[in-house]
C-alpha cells in the first residue's frame, strides 16, 4: 500500500497491535515515531525495526514527551490504552486517566502540531449487551463497563475535535483482535493467547461462564490493514467504523479448534462469569467495506494456525 503521508506516530507502538502497525509502516517506507511507557508493551516487539524508528519511552499523560513524539508527524495512530475490561472495573479512575485524559492529550497535541489525521482505537464494547446482531455503527451505544464508557468518550472527543478544530479523525471499533505478540502472561490477555498458552503447556484452560458466548475474532494484520486504509483516506470526514469480520465463534468452539491445531485433549475448567463481559458480539462491516474497501484477508483457521506457530516458537 502506498501511503499518502511520510511520517507517523504510533502511541502504544511497542504493544501487540501497535508493533504490527509499526512493522507495516516501516515496510511501506514511512518514518515512524513510537511512544510507549512499556507498562504492557515490549521493546522486543520492535527488534526487527528498531534501526528504522525513533522510540520515546513515556506516557500519553505526559504532554512534554508527547509533544516531542508528535512533532513533524502527519498522522497519529493512537493505540495506547488500558485495554482490559476487568482492570477498568477494578480501577475505574486510574484507567480513565489513561484512556480518557490521555486520549484528550493526544487529540490536543495533534491539533496544536497541525497533524492531518488521528486514527483512534475504539472498541465493540461500546455496544454493550444489546441483543441486536450484528452490531452496526448507527446503534445506540450501551456501555456496560468503565472501559466501554472510556472508549465511547474518546469517540465523542474525536467528533468534537473534528467539528471545532477541523482535525481529521477516524475511530475504529475493534472487535476481538488476536495474533502473534499478544501477551499471554497477563490475567487480562485475550482469550486466544491464553488458550494457546494452555495448549502449548498441555494444561486445562479456564472458561468463564458457560462458554456459549460468541466473539467476532479478527487477525491483527487485518486490523493493521484497516488502520492504514483509514489513514490514507484523507478525504473522509470524522468517521466511526466497525473493524471485525462479521463471522462469530463461541468460546467453547474456540477451545475445540485450538485443541485440534495443537493436539491437546485437555478438558476446560468452567468458572463463574466475569463482570462486564459481553455475551454475544458480531460486527456488521458494510460501512468500512464500502467506504474504505476493507476486506479481511485472513480466515479464522489460517489466523489461528499462524498464531499457534508463533506461540510454539516464542513460549
Protein backbone atom coordinates (compact mmCIF):
# COMPACT_ATOMS: atom_id res chain seq x y z
CA UNK A 1 0.00 0.00 0.00
CA UNK A 2 1.34 3.42 -0.98
CA UNK A 3 0.90 5.94 1.83
CA UNK A 4 -0.38 9.50 1.42
CA UNK A 5 1.78 10.56 4.40
CA UNK A 6 5.50 10.38 5.14
CA UNK A 7 5.79 10.42 8.93
CA UNK A 8 3.56 8.93 11.63
CA UNK A 9 3.39 8.45 15.38
CA UNK A 10 2.16 5.21 16.91
CA UNK A 11 1.22 5.52 20.58
CA UNK A 12 1.43 2.18 22.32
CA UNK A 13 3.68 1.12 19.45
CA UNK A 14 5.57 -1.49 21.46
CA UNK A 15 2.35 -3.30 22.24
CA UNK A 16 0.54 -6.13 20.49
CA UNK A 17 -1.41 -4.25 17.80
CA UNK A 18 0.85 -1.20 17.79
CA UNK A 19 4.02 -3.13 16.97
CA UNK A 20 2.38 -4.84 13.98
CA UNK A 21 1.28 -1.42 12.79
CA UNK A 22 4.83 -0.09 13.16
CA UNK A 23 6.10 -3.03 11.07
CA UNK A 24 3.69 -2.23 8.25
CA UNK A 25 4.50 1.48 8.29
CA UNK A 26 8.24 0.82 8.15
CA UNK A 27 7.76 -1.72 5.37
CA UNK A 28 5.88 0.96 3.42
CA UNK A 29 8.73 3.43 3.72
CA UNK A 30 7.12 5.67 6.34
CA UNK A 31 9.21 7.37 9.02
CA UNK A 32 7.83 6.27 12.37
CA UNK A 33 7.92 7.64 15.91
CA UNK A 34 6.82 5.30 18.69
CA UNK A 35 5.64 6.40 22.14
CA UNK A 36 5.19 3.71 24.77
CA UNK A 37 5.60 3.63 28.55
CA UNK A 38 6.33 -0.13 28.38
CA UNK A 39 3.76 -0.88 31.07
CA UNK A 40 2.50 -3.69 28.87
CA UNK A 41 4.40 -3.17 25.62
CA UNK A 42 7.78 -4.80 25.00
CA UNK A 43 10.81 -3.39 23.23
CA UNK A 44 11.43 -6.89 21.86
CA UNK A 45 8.29 -6.42 19.73
CA UNK A 46 10.24 -3.74 17.84
CA UNK A 47 13.56 -5.56 17.48
CA UNK A 48 13.08 -6.10 13.75
CA UNK A 49 12.54 -2.36 13.07
CA UNK A 50 14.48 -0.63 15.84
CA UNK A 51 17.02 0.82 13.41
CA UNK A 52 14.26 2.47 11.37
CA UNK A 53 12.17 4.14 14.08
CA UNK A 54 12.52 6.80 16.78
CA UNK A 55 11.41 5.43 20.13
CA UNK A 56 10.21 7.60 23.02
CA UNK A 57 9.72 5.95 26.39
CA UNK A 58 6.92 7.84 28.07
CA UNK A 59 3.25 8.16 28.87
CA UNK A 60 0.47 9.83 26.90
CA UNK A 61 -0.39 11.70 30.10
CA UNK A 62 2.99 13.48 29.85
CA UNK A 63 2.37 16.38 27.47
CA UNK A 64 6.07 17.28 27.20
CA UNK A 65 7.22 13.93 25.80
CA UNK A 66 4.02 13.63 23.78
CA UNK A 67 4.86 16.92 22.05
CA UNK A 68 8.32 15.59 21.16
CA UNK A 69 6.86 12.40 19.73
CA UNK A 70 4.18 14.22 17.70
CA UNK A 71 6.47 16.89 16.25
CA UNK A 72 6.66 16.60 12.46
CA UNK A 73 4.13 13.77 12.19
CA UNK A 74 1.26 13.95 9.71
CA UNK A 75 -0.73 11.03 11.14
CA UNK A 76 -1.16 9.58 14.62
CA UNK A 77 -2.25 6.01 15.26
CA UNK A 78 -3.48 6.03 18.85
CA UNK A 79 -3.21 2.53 20.33
CA UNK A 80 -2.02 3.33 23.86
CA UNK A 81 -4.62 2.38 26.46
CA UNK A 82 -5.57 0.29 29.45
CA UNK A 83 -7.17 -2.43 27.33
CA UNK A 84 -8.56 -4.75 29.98
CA UNK A 85 -12.28 -4.54 30.72
CA UNK A 86 -11.71 -6.30 34.03
CA UNK A 87 -8.94 -3.92 35.07
CA UNK A 88 -11.10 -0.87 34.35
CA UNK A 89 -13.86 -2.37 36.50
CA UNK A 90 -11.36 -2.74 39.35
CA UNK A 91 -9.63 0.60 38.74
CA UNK A 92 -12.11 2.94 37.03
CA UNK A 93 -10.43 6.21 37.99
CA UNK A 94 -6.86 5.13 37.21
CA UNK A 95 -7.89 3.68 33.85
CA UNK A 96 -9.86 6.82 32.95
CA UNK A 97 -6.74 8.94 33.44
CA UNK A 98 -5.07 6.94 30.68
CA UNK A 99 -8.00 6.13 28.41
CA UNK A 100 -9.81 9.47 28.58
CA UNK A 101 -7.39 12.20 29.70
CA UNK A 102 -4.51 10.53 27.86
CA UNK A 103 -6.54 10.41 24.64
CA UNK A 104 -7.55 14.04 25.07
CA UNK A 105 -3.85 14.88 25.36
CA UNK A 106 -3.19 13.06 22.08
CA UNK A 107 -6.02 14.85 20.28
CA UNK A 108 -4.98 18.24 21.58
CA UNK A 109 -1.35 17.59 20.74
CA UNK A 110 -2.44 16.70 17.22
CA UNK A 111 -4.40 19.95 16.98
CA UNK A 112 -1.51 22.08 18.17
CA UNK A 113 1.03 20.42 15.90
CA UNK A 114 -1.10 20.54 12.76
CA UNK A 115 -1.47 16.77 12.40
CA UNK A 116 -3.69 15.88 9.44
CA UNK A 117 -5.37 12.78 10.87
CA UNK A 118 -5.70 10.75 14.07
CA UNK A 119 -6.79 7.11 13.93
CA UNK A 120 -8.18 6.09 17.32
CA UNK A 121 -8.52 2.52 18.56
CA UNK A 122 -12.06 2.21 19.88
CA UNK A 123 -13.92 -0.96 20.80
CA UNK A 124 -17.01 -3.04 20.13
CA UNK A 125 -17.52 -2.89 23.90
CA UNK A 126 -19.39 0.39 23.36
CA UNK A 127 -22.38 -1.63 22.10
CA UNK A 128 -22.79 -3.44 25.42
CA UNK A 129 -25.01 -6.49 25.59
CA UNK A 130 -27.72 -5.34 23.19
CA UNK A 131 -29.47 -8.39 21.69
CA UNK A 132 -29.37 -6.85 18.21
CA UNK A 133 -26.93 -8.64 15.92
CA UNK A 134 -24.81 -7.92 14.06
CA UNK A 135 -23.68 -4.68 15.67
CA UNK A 136 -23.81 -1.67 13.34
CA UNK A 137 -22.47 1.84 13.80
CA UNK A 138 -25.89 3.52 13.96
CA UNK A 139 -26.92 1.52 17.05
CA UNK A 140 -27.33 3.39 20.33
CA UNK A 141 -24.27 2.63 22.48
CA UNK A 142 -24.95 0.88 25.79
CA UNK A 143 -21.60 0.65 27.56
CA UNK A 144 -21.53 -1.78 30.48
CA UNK A 145 -18.02 -1.21 31.82
CA UNK A 146 -15.72 1.73 32.53
CA UNK A 147 -13.62 0.58 29.58
CA UNK A 148 -16.58 0.89 27.22
CA UNK A 149 -17.51 4.32 28.61
CA UNK A 150 -13.92 5.47 28.16
CA UNK A 151 -13.78 4.33 24.55
CA UNK A 152 -17.12 5.97 23.79
CA UNK A 153 -15.84 9.17 25.39
CA UNK A 154 -12.84 9.02 23.02
CA UNK A 155 -15.18 8.86 20.03
CA UNK A 156 -17.13 11.87 21.29
CA UNK A 157 -13.93 13.87 21.80
CA UNK A 158 -12.76 12.87 18.31
CA UNK A 159 -16.02 14.14 16.83
CA UNK A 160 -15.69 17.37 18.82
CA UNK A 161 -12.12 17.98 17.68
CA UNK A 162 -13.20 17.38 14.11
CA UNK A 163 -16.07 19.85 14.40
CA UNK A 164 -14.30 22.56 16.42
CA UNK A 165 -10.79 22.39 15.04
CA UNK A 166 -11.02 20.60 11.71
CA UNK A 167 -8.84 17.70 12.90
CA UNK A 168 -9.33 14.63 10.74
CA UNK A 169 -10.31 11.67 12.92
CA UNK A 170 -11.33 8.06 12.34
CA UNK A 171 -12.37 5.76 15.18
CA UNK A 172 -12.09 2.02 14.61
CA UNK A 173 -14.29 -0.13 16.83
CA UNK A 174 -12.11 -3.21 17.16
CA UNK A 175 -13.83 -6.49 17.78
CA UNK A 176 -11.73 -9.34 19.24
CA UNK A 177 -8.20 -8.96 17.92
CA UNK A 178 -5.77 -11.87 18.07
CA UNK A 179 -2.41 -12.85 16.64
CA UNK A 180 1.32 -13.11 17.34
CA UNK A 181 2.77 -10.98 20.20
CA UNK A 182 -0.41 -10.93 22.26
CA UNK A 183 0.94 -11.32 25.79
CA UNK A 184 -0.43 -14.48 27.44
CA UNK A 185 1.25 -13.81 30.79
CA UNK A 186 -1.24 -11.16 31.89
CA UNK A 187 -4.53 -12.24 33.51
CA UNK A 188 -6.16 -9.64 31.27
CA UNK A 189 -4.89 -11.11 28.00
CA UNK A 190 -7.15 -12.03 25.11
CA UNK A 191 -8.79 -15.43 25.33
CA UNK A 192 -6.97 -16.80 22.28
CA UNK A 193 -3.50 -16.03 23.65
CA UNK A 194 -4.42 -17.62 26.97
CA UNK A 195 -5.90 -20.72 25.31
CA UNK A 196 -2.86 -21.15 23.06
CA UNK A 197 -0.55 -20.97 26.06
CA UNK A 198 -2.62 -23.65 27.82
CA UNK A 199 -2.45 -25.82 24.70
CA UNK A 200 1.29 -25.32 24.40
CA UNK A 201 1.78 -26.31 28.05
CA UNK A 202 -0.75 -29.18 27.81
CA UNK A 203 -2.80 -27.73 30.67
CA UNK A 204 -6.54 -27.18 31.09
CA UNK A 205 -7.94 -23.75 30.18
CA UNK A 206 -10.47 -21.74 32.16
CA UNK A 207 -13.73 -20.77 30.52
CA UNK A 208 -15.74 -18.08 32.31
CA UNK A 209 -19.48 -18.69 32.17
CA UNK A 210 -20.92 -21.50 30.06
CA UNK A 211 -18.67 -20.93 27.05
CA UNK A 212 -21.59 -20.24 24.74
CA UNK A 213 -20.75 -16.55 24.46
CA UNK A 214 -19.69 -15.63 20.93
CA UNK A 215 -16.98 -13.38 19.59
CA UNK A 216 -16.02 -11.88 16.24
CA UNK A 217 -12.30 -12.65 16.12
CA UNK A 218 -10.15 -10.62 13.74
CA UNK A 219 -6.50 -11.28 12.93
CA UNK A 220 -4.11 -8.49 13.89
CA UNK A 221 -2.82 -7.94 10.35
CA UNK A 222 -6.38 -7.26 9.19
CA UNK A 223 -6.67 -4.63 11.92
CA UNK A 224 -3.45 -3.09 10.64
CA UNK A 225 -4.96 -3.03 7.15
CA UNK A 226 -8.00 -1.14 8.48
CA UNK A 227 -5.77 1.43 10.19
CA UNK A 228 -3.72 2.08 7.07
CA UNK A 229 -6.80 2.39 4.87
CA UNK A 230 -8.29 4.89 7.35
CA UNK A 231 -5.09 6.93 7.39
CA UNK A 232 -4.82 7.02 3.61
CA UNK A 233 -8.42 8.14 3.02
CA UNK A 234 -7.73 11.80 3.74
CA UNK A 235 -10.98 12.96 2.13
CA UNK A 236 -13.05 11.27 4.84
CA UNK A 237 -14.68 13.44 7.46
CA UNK A 238 -14.87 12.19 11.06
CA UNK A 239 -15.97 8.56 10.90
CA UNK A 240 -16.56 5.57 13.16
CA UNK A 241 -16.10 2.10 11.68
CA UNK A 242 -16.60 -1.42 12.97
CA UNK A 243 -13.43 -3.44 12.50
CA UNK A 244 -14.22 -7.13 12.51
CA UNK A 245 -15.01 -9.99 10.15
CA UNK A 246 -18.82 -10.38 10.53
CA UNK A 247 -18.24 -14.04 11.49
CA UNK A 248 -18.55 -15.45 15.02
CA UNK A 249 -17.14 -18.29 17.10
CA UNK A 250 -18.23 -19.46 20.55
CA UNK A 251 -15.63 -19.77 23.30
CA UNK A 252 -16.36 -23.49 23.55
CA UNK A 253 -15.76 -23.94 19.82
CA UNK A 254 -12.60 -21.86 20.04
CA UNK A 255 -11.12 -24.31 22.54
CA UNK A 256 -12.10 -27.20 20.30
CA UNK A 257 -10.33 -25.59 17.33
CA UNK A 258 -7.19 -24.90 19.35
CA UNK A 259 -7.25 -28.45 20.70
CA UNK A 260 -7.35 -29.75 17.12
CA UNK A 261 -4.49 -27.48 15.97
CA UNK A 262 -2.29 -28.28 18.96
CA UNK A 263 -3.20 -31.91 19.53
CA UNK A 264 -4.12 -31.37 23.17
CA UNK A 265 -7.07 -33.20 24.70
CA UNK A 266 -7.44 -31.35 27.98
CA UNK A 267 -10.99 -30.57 29.12
CA UNK A 268 -11.71 -26.93 30.04
CA UNK A 269 -12.45 -25.79 33.58
CA UNK A 270 -15.65 -23.73 33.82
CA UNK A 271 -15.68 -20.76 36.21
CA UNK A 272 -18.11 -18.03 37.24
CA UNK A 273 -18.81 -15.44 34.54
CA UNK A 274 -16.78 -12.22 34.83
CA UNK A 275 -18.32 -8.82 35.50
CA UNK A 276 -18.66 -6.67 32.37
CA UNK A 277 -18.26 -9.50 29.86
CA UNK A 278 -20.46 -9.35 26.74
CA UNK A 279 -22.47 -12.45 25.80
CA UNK A 280 -22.74 -12.05 22.03
CA UNK A 281 -20.78 -9.96 19.59
CA UNK A 282 -20.67 -9.79 15.79
CA UNK A 283 -19.69 -6.93 13.51
CA UNK A 284 -21.58 -5.52 10.58
CA UNK A 285 -18.69 -4.37 8.38
CA UNK A 286 -20.69 -2.98 5.47
CA UNK A 287 -19.67 0.60 6.20
CA UNK A 288 -15.91 0.06 6.42
CA UNK A 289 -16.06 -2.26 3.42
CA UNK A 290 -17.90 0.25 1.24
CA UNK A 291 -16.10 3.42 2.34
CA UNK A 292 -12.55 2.08 2.82
CA UNK A 293 -12.68 -1.01 0.63
CA UNK A 294 -11.74 -3.07 3.68
CA UNK A 295 -11.84 -6.84 3.33
CA UNK A 296 -10.40 -9.22 5.95
CA UNK A 297 -7.69 -11.29 4.29
CA UNK A 298 -7.15 -13.95 6.97
CA UNK A 299 -9.65 -16.72 7.66
CA UNK A 300 -10.02 -17.67 11.32
CA UNK A 301 -8.45 -21.08 10.65
CA UNK A 302 -5.41 -19.56 8.93
CA UNK A 303 -5.03 -16.83 11.53
CA UNK A 304 -5.15 -19.36 14.36
CA UNK A 305 -2.57 -21.53 12.65
CA UNK A 306 -0.18 -18.58 12.23
CA UNK A 307 -0.71 -17.54 15.83
CA UNK A 308 -0.16 -21.08 17.12
CA UNK A 309 3.10 -21.31 15.15
CA UNK A 310 4.31 -18.09 16.77
CA UNK A 311 3.41 -19.30 20.27
CA UNK A 312 5.21 -22.58 19.71
CA UNK A 313 8.35 -20.70 18.71
CA UNK A 314 8.24 -17.96 21.35
CA UNK A 315 6.89 -19.50 24.56
